């Protein structure tokens, strides 16, 4: 299965562990939404979309079947997250320069 698109839908700047929400498209025909980028225990990782059960536990709605694909998916999403963060920081810097020039 080939990852054909990754979109970082939302970035979170808060201090909490959730840093982003992503959507991933496979083979240009299947999209998986609400993959979370988490920072905890001094590392970044992804959490697949899940549903809360009646007993308060969570169950993944969709998930990789093997470790190799999970690692490839995680690496691709984290790479897209890093690019999105760099773009957001560049935009903030450009806006700060424009604001300073306007004064």
PDB file of N, CA and C in Angstrom:
ATOM      1  N   UNK A   1       0.852  -1.172   0.000  1.00  0.00           N
ATOM      2  CA  UNK A   1       0.000   0.000   0.000  1.00  0.00           C
ATOM      3  C   UNK A   1       0.896   1.232   0.000  1.00  0.00           C
ATOM      4  N   UNK A   2       0.576   2.167  -0.867  1.00  0.00           N
ATOM      5  CA  UNK A   2       1.393   3.358  -1.028  1.00  0.00           C
ATOM      6  C   UNK A   2       0.686   4.575  -0.427  1.00  0.00           C
ATOM      7  N   UNK A   3       1.430   5.365   0.335  1.00  0.00           N
ATOM      8  CA  UNK A   3       0.909   6.623   0.856  1.00  0.00           C
ATOM      9  C   UNK A   3       1.019   7.644  -0.267  1.00  0.00           C
ATOM     10  N   UNK A   4      -0.121   8.180  -0.701  1.00  0.00           N
ATOM     11  CA  UNK A   4      -0.107   9.119  -1.828  1.00  0.00           C
ATOM     12  C   UNK A   4      -0.319  10.569  -1.416  1.00  0.00           C
ATOM     13  N   UNK A   5      -0.745  10.820  -0.175  1.00  0.00           N
ATOM     14  CA  UNK A   5      -0.901  12.197   0.287  1.00  0.00           C
ATOM     15  C   UNK A   5      -0.971  12.213   1.803  1.00  0.00           C
ATOM     16  N   UNK A   6      -0.372  13.233   2.382  1.00  0.00           N
ATOM     17  CA  UNK A   6      -0.491  13.470   3.824  1.00  0.00           C
ATOM     18  C   UNK A   6      -0.777  14.948   4.006  1.00  0.00           C
ATOM     19  N   UNK A   7      -1.827  15.240   4.748  1.00  0.00           N
ATOM     20  CA  UNK A   7      -2.178  16.631   5.027  1.00  0.00           C
ATOM     21  C   UNK A   7      -2.253  16.822   6.535  1.00  0.00           C
ATOM     22  N   UNK A   8      -1.531  17.803   6.999  1.00  0.00           N
ATOM     23  CA  UNK A   8      -1.625  18.176   8.404  1.00  0.00           C
ATOM     24  C   UNK A   8      -2.805  19.134   8.494  1.00  0.00           C
ATOM     25  N   UNK A   9      -3.881  18.682   9.107  1.00  0.00           N
ATOM     26  CA  UNK A   9      -5.134  19.448   9.131  1.00  0.00           C
ATOM     27  C   UNK A   9      -5.129  20.546  10.188  1.00  0.00           C
ATOM     28  N   UNK A  10      -4.459  20.280  11.315  1.00  0.00           N
ATOM     29  CA  UNK A  10      -4.458  21.263  12.397  1.00  0.00           C
ATOM     30  C   UNK A  10      -3.186  21.106  13.201  1.00  0.00           C
ATOM     31  N   UNK A  11      -2.577  22.235  13.551  1.00  0.00           N
ATOM     32  CA  UNK A  11      -1.416  22.263  14.435  1.00  0.00           C
ATOM     33  C   UNK A  11      -1.858  22.822  15.779  1.00  0.00           C
ATOM     34  N   UNK A  12      -1.331  22.277  16.851  1.00  0.00           N
ATOM     35  CA  UNK A  12      -1.638  22.752  18.195  1.00  0.00           C
ATOM     36  C   UNK A  12      -0.374  23.340  18.803  1.00  0.00           C
ATOM     37  N   UNK A  13      -0.460  24.573  19.289  1.00  0.00           N
ATOM     38  CA  UNK A  13       0.695  25.234  19.893  1.00  0.00           C
ATOM     39  C   UNK A  13       0.666  25.160  21.417  1.00  0.00           C
ATOM     40  N   UNK A  14      -0.360  24.549  21.966  1.00  0.00           N
ATOM     41  CA  UNK A  14      -0.482  24.472  23.415  1.00  0.00           C
ATOM     42  C   UNK A  14       0.588  23.556  23.997  1.00  0.00           C
ATOM     43  N   UNK A  15       0.689  23.585  25.302  1.00  0.00           N
ATOM     44  CA  UNK A  15       1.680  22.786  26.014  1.00  0.00           C
ATOM     45  C   UNK A  15       1.311  21.310  26.113  1.00  0.00           C
ATOM     46  N   UNK A  16       0.098  20.940  25.778  1.00  0.00           N
ATOM     47  CA  UNK A  16      -0.341  19.552  25.907  1.00  0.00           C
ATOM     48  C   UNK A  16       0.372  18.613  24.952  1.00  0.00           C
ATOM     49  N   UNK A  17       0.117  17.328  25.080  1.00  0.00           N
ATOM     50  CA  UNK A  17       0.822  16.342  24.262  1.00  0.00           C
ATOM     51  C   UNK A  17       0.390  16.308  22.799  1.00  0.00           C
ATOM     52  N   UNK A  18      -0.864  16.684  22.488  1.00  0.00           N
ATOM     53  CA  UNK A  18      -1.305  16.624  21.092  1.00  0.00           C
ATOM     54  C   UNK A  18      -0.724  17.802  20.322  1.00  0.00           C
ATOM     55  N   UNK A  19      -0.019  17.490  19.221  1.00  0.00           N
ATOM     56  CA  UNK A  19       0.664  18.512  18.450  1.00  0.00           C
ATOM     57  C   UNK A  19       0.027  18.761  17.093  1.00  0.00           C
ATOM     58  N   UNK A  20      -0.676  17.761  16.531  1.00  0.00           N
ATOM     59  CA  UNK A  20      -1.288  17.947  15.212  1.00  0.00           C
ATOM     60  C   UNK A  20      -2.305  16.849  14.950  1.00  0.00           C
ATOM     61  N   UNK A  21      -3.145  17.113  13.948  1.00  0.00           N
ATOM     62  CA  UNK A  21      -4.073  16.113  13.427  1.00  0.00           C
ATOM     63  C   UNK A  21      -3.832  16.025  11.927  1.00  0.00           C
ATOM     64  N   UNK A  22      -3.706  14.795  11.438  1.00  0.00           N
ATOM     65  CA  UNK A  22      -3.372  14.568  10.032  1.00  0.00           C
ATOM     66  C   UNK A  22      -4.404  13.686   9.349  1.00  0.00           C
ATOM     67  N   UNK A  23      -4.440  13.807   8.020  1.00  0.00           N
ATOM     68  CA  UNK A  23      -5.194  12.898   7.163  1.00  0.00           C
ATOM     69  C   UNK A  23      -4.206  12.283   6.189  1.00  0.00           C
ATOM     70  N   UNK A  24      -4.342  10.985   5.950  1.00  0.00           N
ATOM     71  CA  UNK A  24      -3.437  10.274   5.054  1.00  0.00           C
ATOM     72  C   UNK A  24      -4.267   9.577   3.983  1.00  0.00           C
ATOM     73  N   UNK A  25      -3.823   9.719   2.726  1.00  0.00           N
ATOM     74  CA  UNK A  25      -4.482   9.040   1.615  1.00  0.00           C
ATOM     75  C   UNK A  25      -3.585   7.914   1.126  1.00  0.00           C
ATOM     76  N   UNK A  26      -4.200   6.765   0.876  1.00  0.00           N
ATOM     77  CA  UNK A  26      -3.490   5.578   0.408  1.00  0.00           C
ATOM     78  C   UNK A  26      -3.957   5.246  -1.005  1.00  0.00           C
ATOM     79  N   UNK A  27      -2.994   4.974  -1.878  1.00  0.00           N
ATOM     80  CA  UNK A  27      -3.266   4.558  -3.260  1.00  0.00           C
ATOM     81  C   UNK A  27      -4.262   5.473  -3.973  1.00  0.00           C
ATOM     82  N   UNK A  28      -4.298   6.728  -3.576  1.00  0.00           N
ATOM     83  CA  UNK A  28      -5.220   7.713  -4.151  1.00  0.00           C
ATOM     84  C   UNK A  28      -6.682   7.267  -4.105  1.00  0.00           C
ATOM     85  N   UNK A  29      -7.010   6.343  -3.179  1.00  0.00           N
ATOM     86  CA  UNK A  29      -8.404   5.887  -3.120  1.00  0.00           C
ATOM     87  C   UNK A  29      -8.958   5.663  -1.715  1.00  0.00           C
ATOM     88  N   UNK A  30      -8.149   5.782  -0.682  1.00  0.00           N
ATOM     89  CA  UNK A  30      -8.649   5.601   0.680  1.00  0.00           C
ATOM     90  C   UNK A  30      -8.023   6.658   1.565  1.00  0.00           C
ATOM     91  N   UNK A  31      -8.867   7.424   2.273  1.00  0.00           N
ATOM     92  CA  UNK A  31      -8.372   8.452   3.185  1.00  0.00           C
ATOM     93  C   UNK A  31      -8.660   8.036   4.617  1.00  0.00           C
ATOM     94  N   UNK A  32      -7.684   8.237   5.478  1.00  0.00           N
ATOM     95  CA  UNK A  32      -7.849   8.008   6.918  1.00  0.00           C
ATOM     96  C   UNK A  32      -7.638   9.357   7.590  1.00  0.00           C
ATOM     97  N   UNK A  33      -8.658   9.824   8.298  1.00  0.00           N
ATOM     98  CA  UNK A  33      -8.630  11.119   8.964  1.00  0.00           C
ATOM     99  C   UNK A  33      -8.377  10.939  10.458  1.00  0.00           C
ATOM    100  N   UNK A  34      -8.024  12.031  11.093  1.00  0.00           N
ATOM    101  CA  UNK A  34      -7.877  12.113  12.551  1.00  0.00           C
ATOM    102  C   UNK A  34      -6.743  11.264  13.117  1.00  0.00           C
ATOM    103  N   UNK A  35      -5.642  11.174  12.387  1.00  0.00           N
ATOM    104  CA  UNK A  35      -4.430  10.571  12.936  1.00  0.00           C
ATOM    105  C   UNK A  35      -3.758  11.665  13.753  1.00  0.00           C
ATOM    106  N   UNK A  36      -3.497  11.387  15.014  1.00  0.00           N
ATOM    107  CA  UNK A  36      -2.957  12.400  15.915  1.00  0.00           C
ATOM    108  C   UNK A  36      -1.440  12.287  16.022  1.00  0.00           C
ATOM    109  N   UNK A  37      -0.776  13.443  16.035  1.00  0.00           N
ATOM    110  CA  UNK A  37       0.654  13.513  16.324  1.00  0.00           C
ATOM    111  C   UNK A  37       0.772  13.900  17.791  1.00  0.00           C
ATOM    112  N   UNK A  38       1.460  13.062  18.561  1.00  0.00           N
ATOM    113  CA  UNK A  38       1.574  13.232  20.005  1.00  0.00           C
ATOM    114  C   UNK A  38       3.041  13.374  20.383  1.00  0.00           C
ATOM    115  N   UNK A  39       3.302  14.236  21.370  1.00  0.00           N
ATOM    116  CA  UNK A  39       4.644  14.322  21.948  1.00  0.00           C
ATOM    117  C   UNK A  39       4.523  13.949  23.414  1.00  0.00           C
ATOM    118  N   UNK A  40       5.120  12.829  23.780  1.00  0.00           N
ATOM    119  CA  UNK A  40       5.100  12.361  25.170  1.00  0.00           C
ATOM    120  C   UNK A  40       6.331  11.498  25.403  1.00  0.00           C
ATOM    121  N   UNK A  41       6.776  11.486  26.625  1.00  0.00           N
ATOM    122  CA  UNK A  41       7.961  10.693  27.003  1.00  0.00           C
ATOM    123  C   UNK A  41       9.156  11.041  26.119  1.00  0.00           C
ATOM    124  N   UNK A  42       9.248  12.343  25.809  1.00  0.00           N
ATOM    125  CA  UNK A  42      10.367  12.909  25.049  1.00  0.00           C
ATOM    126  C   UNK A  42      10.518  12.349  23.642  1.00  0.00           C
ATOM    127  N   UNK A  43       9.380  11.971  23.026  1.00  0.00           N
ATOM    128  CA  UNK A  43       9.417  11.546  21.627  1.00  0.00           C
ATOM    129  C   UNK A  43       8.073  11.818  20.971  1.00  0.00           C
ATOM    130  N   UNK A  44       8.112  11.918  19.643  1.00  0.00           N
ATOM    131  CA  UNK A  44       6.900  12.082  18.850  1.00  0.00           C
ATOM    132  C   UNK A  44       6.454  10.716  18.342  1.00  0.00           C
ATOM    133  N   UNK A  45       5.133  10.530  18.271  1.00  0.00           N
ATOM    134  CA  UNK A  45       4.568   9.315  17.696  1.00  0.00           C
ATOM    135  C   UNK A  45       3.162   9.623  17.221  1.00  0.00           C
ATOM    136  N   UNK A  46       2.564   8.681  16.486  1.00  0.00           N
ATOM    137  CA  UNK A  46       1.201   8.887  16.004  1.00  0.00           C
ATOM    138  C   UNK A  46       0.239   7.984  16.764  1.00  0.00           C
ATOM    139  N   UNK A  47      -1.005   8.434  16.821  1.00  0.00           N
ATOM    140  CA  UNK A  47      -2.093   7.661  17.413  1.00  0.00           C
ATOM    141  C   UNK A  47      -3.187   7.583  16.355  1.00  0.00           C
ATOM    142  N   UNK A  48      -3.625   6.382  16.083  1.00  0.00           N
ATOM    143  CA  UNK A  48      -4.633   6.170  15.049  1.00  0.00           C
ATOM    144  C   UNK A  48      -6.015   6.612  15.547  1.00  0.00           C
ATOM    145  N   UNK A  49      -6.945   6.887  14.620  1.00  0.00           N
ATOM    146  CA  UNK A  49      -8.303   7.285  15.012  1.00  0.00           C
ATOM    147  C   UNK A  49      -8.939   6.194  15.872  1.00  0.00           C
ATOM    148  N   UNK A  50      -9.674   6.616  16.892  1.00  0.00           N
ATOM    149  CA  UNK A  50     -10.268   5.633  17.801  1.00  0.00           C
ATOM    150  C   UNK A  50     -11.664   6.075  18.217  1.00  0.00           C
ATOM    151  N   UNK A  51     -12.345   5.143  18.840  1.00  0.00           N
ATOM    152  CA  UNK A  51     -13.708   5.361  19.328  1.00  0.00           C
ATOM    153  C   UNK A  51     -13.730   4.976  20.800  1.00  0.00           C
ATOM    154  N   UNK A  52     -14.440   5.745  21.612  1.00  0.00           N
ATOM    155  CA  UNK A  52     -14.542   5.442  23.034  1.00  0.00           C
ATOM    156  C   UNK A  52     -15.607   4.383  23.256  1.00  0.00           C
ATOM    157  N   UNK A  53     -15.244   3.344  23.968  1.00  0.00           N
ATOM    158  CA  UNK A  53     -16.179   2.269  24.307  1.00  0.00           C
ATOM    159  C   UNK A  53     -17.005   2.649  25.526  1.00  0.00           C
ATOM    160  N   UNK A  54     -18.071   1.913  25.759  1.00  0.00           N
ATOM    161  CA  UNK A  54     -18.957   2.179  26.894  1.00  0.00           C
ATOM    162  C   UNK A  54     -18.222   2.084  28.233  1.00  0.00           C
ATOM    163  N   UNK A  55     -17.185   1.242  28.288  1.00  0.00           N
ATOM    164  CA  UNK A  55     -16.439   1.086  29.544  1.00  0.00           C
ATOM    165  C   UNK A  55     -15.344   2.139  29.732  1.00  0.00           C
ATOM    166  N   UNK A  56     -15.277   3.126  28.828  1.00  0.00           N
ATOM    167  CA  UNK A  56     -14.308   4.206  28.955  1.00  0.00           C
ATOM    168  C   UNK A  56     -12.980   3.959  28.268  1.00  0.00           C
ATOM    169  N   UNK A  57     -12.766   2.769  27.752  1.00  0.00           N
ATOM    170  CA  UNK A  57     -11.537   2.483  27.019  1.00  0.00           C
ATOM    171  C   UNK A  57     -11.704   2.924  25.568  1.00  0.00           C
ATOM    172  N   UNK A  58     -10.602   2.976  24.850  1.00  0.00           N
ATOM    173  CA  UNK A  58     -10.632   3.369  23.446  1.00  0.00           C
ATOM    174  C   UNK A  58     -10.228   2.198  22.563  1.00  0.00           C
ATOM    175  N   UNK A  59     -10.836   2.153  21.380  1.00  0.00           N
ATOM    176  CA  UNK A  59     -10.518   1.109  20.408  1.00  0.00           C
ATOM    177  C   UNK A  59     -10.229   1.778  19.071  1.00  0.00           C
ATOM    178  N   UNK A  60      -9.079   1.426  18.469  1.00  0.00           N
ATOM    179  CA  UNK A  60      -8.734   1.988  17.169  1.00  0.00           C
ATOM    180  C   UNK A  60      -9.783   1.611  16.133  1.00  0.00           C
ATOM    181  N   UNK A  61     -10.159   2.574  15.305  1.00  0.00           N
ATOM    182  CA  UNK A  61     -11.098   2.332  14.215  1.00  0.00           C
ATOM    183  C   UNK A  61     -10.366   1.715  13.037  1.00  0.00           C
ATOM    184  N   UNK A  62      -9.147   2.181  12.802  1.00  0.00           N
ATOM    185  CA  UNK A  62      -8.304   1.684  11.725  1.00  0.00           C
ATOM    186  C   UNK A  62      -6.876   1.677  12.262  1.00  0.00           C
ATOM    187  N   UNK A  63      -6.101   0.689  11.852  1.00  0.00           N
ATOM    188  CA  UNK A  63      -4.724   0.626  12.349  1.00  0.00           C
ATOM    189  C   UNK A  63      -3.873  -0.255  11.437  1.00  0.00           C
ATOM    190  N   UNK A  64      -2.556  -0.016  11.442  1.00  0.00           N
ATOM    191  CA  UNK A  64      -1.647  -0.864  10.661  1.00  0.00           C
ATOM    192  C   UNK A  64      -1.638  -2.279  11.244  1.00  0.00           C
ATOM    193  N   UNK A  65      -1.469  -3.259  10.392  1.00  0.00           N
ATOM    194  CA  UNK A  65      -1.461  -4.657  10.824  1.00  0.00           C
ATOM    195  C   UNK A  65      -0.071  -5.110  11.254  1.00  0.00           C
ATOM    196  N   UNK A  66       0.984  -4.543  10.637  1.00  0.00           N
ATOM    197  CA  UNK A  66       2.325  -5.006  10.999  1.00  0.00           C
ATOM    198  C   UNK A  66       3.230  -3.823  11.352  1.00  0.00           C
ATOM    199  N   UNK A  67       4.319  -4.135  12.046  1.00  0.00           N
ATOM    200  CA  UNK A  67       5.229  -3.110  12.550  1.00  0.00           C
ATOM    201  C   UNK A  67       5.928  -2.356  11.426  1.00  0.00           C
ATOM    202  N   UNK A  68       6.266  -3.029  10.336  1.00  0.00           N
ATOM    203  CA  UNK A  68       6.946  -2.356   9.232  1.00  0.00           C
ATOM    204  C   UNK A  68       6.079  -1.243   8.649  1.00  0.00           C
ATOM    205  N   UNK A  69       4.796  -1.544   8.414  1.00  0.00           N
ATOM    206  CA  UNK A  69       3.927  -0.517   7.849  1.00  0.00           C
ATOM    207  C   UNK A  69       3.665   0.585   8.867  1.00  0.00           C
ATOM    208  N   UNK A  70       3.508   0.223  10.125  1.00  0.00           N
ATOM    209  CA  UNK A  70       3.304   1.232  11.173  1.00  0.00           C
ATOM    210  C   UNK A  70       4.495   2.184  11.220  1.00  0.00           C
ATOM    211  N   UNK A  71       5.701   1.649  11.172  1.00  0.00           N
ATOM    212  CA  UNK A  71       6.898   2.484  11.202  1.00  0.00           C
ATOM    213  C   UNK A  71       6.970   3.399   9.981  1.00  0.00           C
ATOM    214  N   UNK A  72       6.641   2.871   8.806  1.00  0.00           N
ATOM    215  CA  UNK A  72       6.657   3.680   7.584  1.00  0.00           C
ATOM    216  C   UNK A  72       5.601   4.785   7.658  1.00  0.00           C
ATOM    217  N   UNK A  73       4.408   4.455   8.128  1.00  0.00           N
ATOM    218  CA  UNK A  73       3.337   5.439   8.262  1.00  0.00           C
ATOM    219  C   UNK A  73       3.724   6.511   9.267  1.00  0.00           C
ATOM    220  N   UNK A  74       4.239   6.097  10.405  1.00  0.00           N
ATOM    221  CA  UNK A  74       4.630   7.057  11.432  1.00  0.00           C
ATOM    222  C   UNK A  74       5.731   7.987  10.922  1.00  0.00           C
ATOM    223  N   UNK A  75       6.728   7.440  10.253  1.00  0.00           N
ATOM    224  CA  UNK A  75       7.814   8.260   9.716  1.00  0.00           C
ATOM    225  C   UNK A  75       7.288   9.278   8.706  1.00  0.00           C
ATOM    226  N   UNK A  76       6.378   8.861   7.844  1.00  0.00           N
ATOM    227  CA  UNK A  76       5.828   9.755   6.825  1.00  0.00           C
ATOM    228  C   UNK A  76       4.996  10.872   7.457  1.00  0.00           C
ATOM    229  N   UNK A  77       4.161  10.531   8.429  1.00  0.00           N
ATOM    230  CA  UNK A  77       3.324  11.543   9.078  1.00  0.00           C
ATOM    231  C   UNK A  77       4.192  12.515   9.876  1.00  0.00           C
ATOM    232  N   UNK A  78       5.178  12.008  10.601  1.00  0.00           N
ATOM    233  CA  UNK A  78       6.047  12.893  11.379  1.00  0.00           C
ATOM    234  C   UNK A  78       6.879  13.801  10.479  1.00  0.00           C
ATOM    235  N   UNK A  79       7.290  13.306   9.319  1.00  0.00           N
ATOM    236  CA  UNK A  79       8.001  14.136   8.359  1.00  0.00           C
ATOM    237  C   UNK A  79       7.094  15.267   7.861  1.00  0.00           C
ATOM    238  N   UNK A  80       5.845  14.946   7.546  1.00  0.00           N
ATOM    239  CA  UNK A  80       4.883  15.961   7.106  1.00  0.00           C
ATOM    240  C   UNK A  80       4.622  16.968   8.226  1.00  0.00           C
ATOM    241  N   UNK A  81       4.561  16.494   9.458  1.00  0.00           N
ATOM    242  CA  UNK A  81       4.373  17.388  10.608  1.00  0.00           C
ATOM    243  C   UNK A  81       5.545  18.361  10.734  1.00  0.00           C
ATOM    244  N   UNK A  82       6.759  17.858  10.620  1.00  0.00           N
ATOM    245  CA  UNK A  82       7.939  18.720  10.722  1.00  0.00           C
ATOM    246  C   UNK A  82       7.944  19.781   9.613  1.00  0.00           C
ATOM    247  N   UNK A  83       7.557  19.386   8.401  1.00  0.00           N
ATOM    248  CA  UNK A  83       7.475  20.354   7.300  1.00  0.00           C
ATOM    249  C   UNK A  83       6.397  21.410   7.583  1.00  0.00           C
ATOM    250  N   UNK A  84       5.246  20.981   8.092  1.00  0.00           N
ATOM    251  CA  UNK A  84       4.161  21.916   8.407  1.00  0.00           C
ATOM    252  C   UNK A  84       4.580  22.881   9.510  1.00  0.00           C
ATOM    253  N   UNK A  85       5.308  22.390  10.501  1.00  0.00           N
ATOM    254  CA  UNK A  85       5.791  23.265  11.572  1.00  0.00           C
ATOM    255  C   UNK A  85       6.775  24.295  11.019  1.00  0.00           C
ATOM    256  N   UNK A  86       7.671  23.863  10.150  1.00  0.00           N
ATOM    257  CA  UNK A  86       8.643  24.785   9.550  1.00  0.00           C
ATOM    258  C   UNK A  86       7.932  25.853   8.728  1.00  0.00           C
ATOM    259  N   UNK A  87       6.908  25.456   7.969  1.00  0.00           N
ATOM    260  CA  UNK A  87       6.141  26.416   7.180  1.00  0.00           C
ATOM    261  C   UNK A  87       5.410  27.409   8.084  1.00  0.00           C
ATOM    262  N   UNK A  88       4.819  26.905   9.166  1.00  0.00           N
ATOM    263  CA  UNK A  88       4.095  27.777  10.098  1.00  0.00           C
ATOM    264  C   UNK A  88       5.054  28.767  10.755  1.00  0.00           C
ATOM    265  N   UNK A  89       6.238  28.309  11.141  1.00  0.00           N
ATOM    266  CA  UNK A  89       7.223  29.207  11.751  1.00  0.00           C
ATOM    267  C   UNK A  89       7.696  30.257  10.746  1.00  0.00           C
ATOM    268  N   UNK A  90       7.881  29.867   9.494  1.00  0.00           N
ATOM    269  CA  UNK A  90       8.299  30.810   8.466  1.00  0.00           C
ATOM    270  C   UNK A  90       7.213  31.867   8.232  1.00  0.00           C
ATOM    271  N   UNK A  91       5.961  31.429   8.228  1.00  0.00           N
ATOM    272  CA  UNK A  91       4.854  32.381   8.048  1.00  0.00           C
ATOM    273  C   UNK A  91       4.778  33.354   9.219  1.00  0.00           C
ATOM    274  N   UNK A  92       4.961  32.849  10.441  1.00  0.00           N
ATOM    275  CA  UNK A  92       4.934  33.719  11.617  1.00  0.00           C
ATOM    276  C   UNK A  92       6.060  34.753  11.549  1.00  0.00           C
ATOM    277  N   UNK A  93       7.235  34.312  11.134  1.00  0.00           N
ATOM    278  CA  UNK A  93       8.375  35.223  11.019  1.00  0.00           C
ATOM    279  C   UNK A  93       8.101  36.286   9.961  1.00  0.00           C
ATOM    280  N   UNK A  94       7.539  35.887   8.819  1.00  0.00           N
ATOM    281  CA  UNK A  94       7.220  36.845   7.755  1.00  0.00           C
ATOM    282  C   UNK A  94       6.170  37.846   8.225  1.00  0.00           C
ATOM    283  N   UNK A  95       5.167  37.379   8.965  1.00  0.00           N
ATOM    284  CA  UNK A  95       4.130  38.270   9.483  1.00  0.00           C
ATOM    285  C   UNK A  95       4.718  39.240  10.497  1.00  0.00           C
ATOM    286  N   UNK A  96       5.653  38.771  11.327  1.00  0.00           N
ATOM    287  CA  UNK A  96       6.287  39.648  12.297  1.00  0.00           C
ATOM    288  C   UNK A  96       7.096  40.731  11.590  1.00  0.00           C
ATOM    289  N   UNK A  97       7.783  40.387  10.520  1.00  0.00           N
ATOM    290  CA  UNK A  97       8.554  41.362   9.755  1.00  0.00           C
ATOM    291  C   UNK A  97       7.613  42.388   9.119  1.00  0.00           C
ATOM    292  N   UNK A  98       6.516  41.899   8.542  1.00  0.00           N
ATOM    293  CA  UNK A  98       5.532  42.824   7.928  1.00  0.00           C
ATOM    294  C   UNK A  98       4.956  43.767   8.966  1.00  0.00           C
ATOM    295  N   UNK A  99       4.640  43.240  10.156  1.00  0.00           N
ATOM    296  CA  UNK A  99       4.076  44.074  11.213  1.00  0.00           C
ATOM    297  C   UNK A  99       5.087  45.110  11.664  1.00  0.00           C
ATOM    298  N   UNK A 100       6.357  44.723  11.770  1.00  0.00           N
ATOM    299  CA  UNK A 100       7.390  45.676  12.176  1.00  0.00           C
ATOM    300  C   UNK A 100       7.591  46.748  11.117  1.00  0.00           C
ATOM    301  N   UNK A 101       7.511  46.363   9.848  1.00  0.00           N
ATOM    302  CA  UNK A 101       7.654  47.331   8.756  1.00  0.00           C
ATOM    303  C   UNK A 101       6.486  48.303   8.695  1.00  0.00           C
ATOM    304  N   UNK A 102       5.299  47.853   9.112  1.00  0.00           N
ATOM    305  CA  UNK A 102       4.115  48.687   9.072  1.00  0.00           C
ATOM    306  C   UNK A 102       4.126  49.755  10.152  1.00  0.00           C
ATOM    307  N   UNK A 103       4.902  49.531  11.182  1.00  0.00           N
ATOM    308  CA  UNK A 103       4.935  50.493  12.302  1.00  0.00           C
ATOM    309  C   UNK A 103       5.728  51.659  11.962  1.00  0.00           C
TER     310      UNK A 103
END
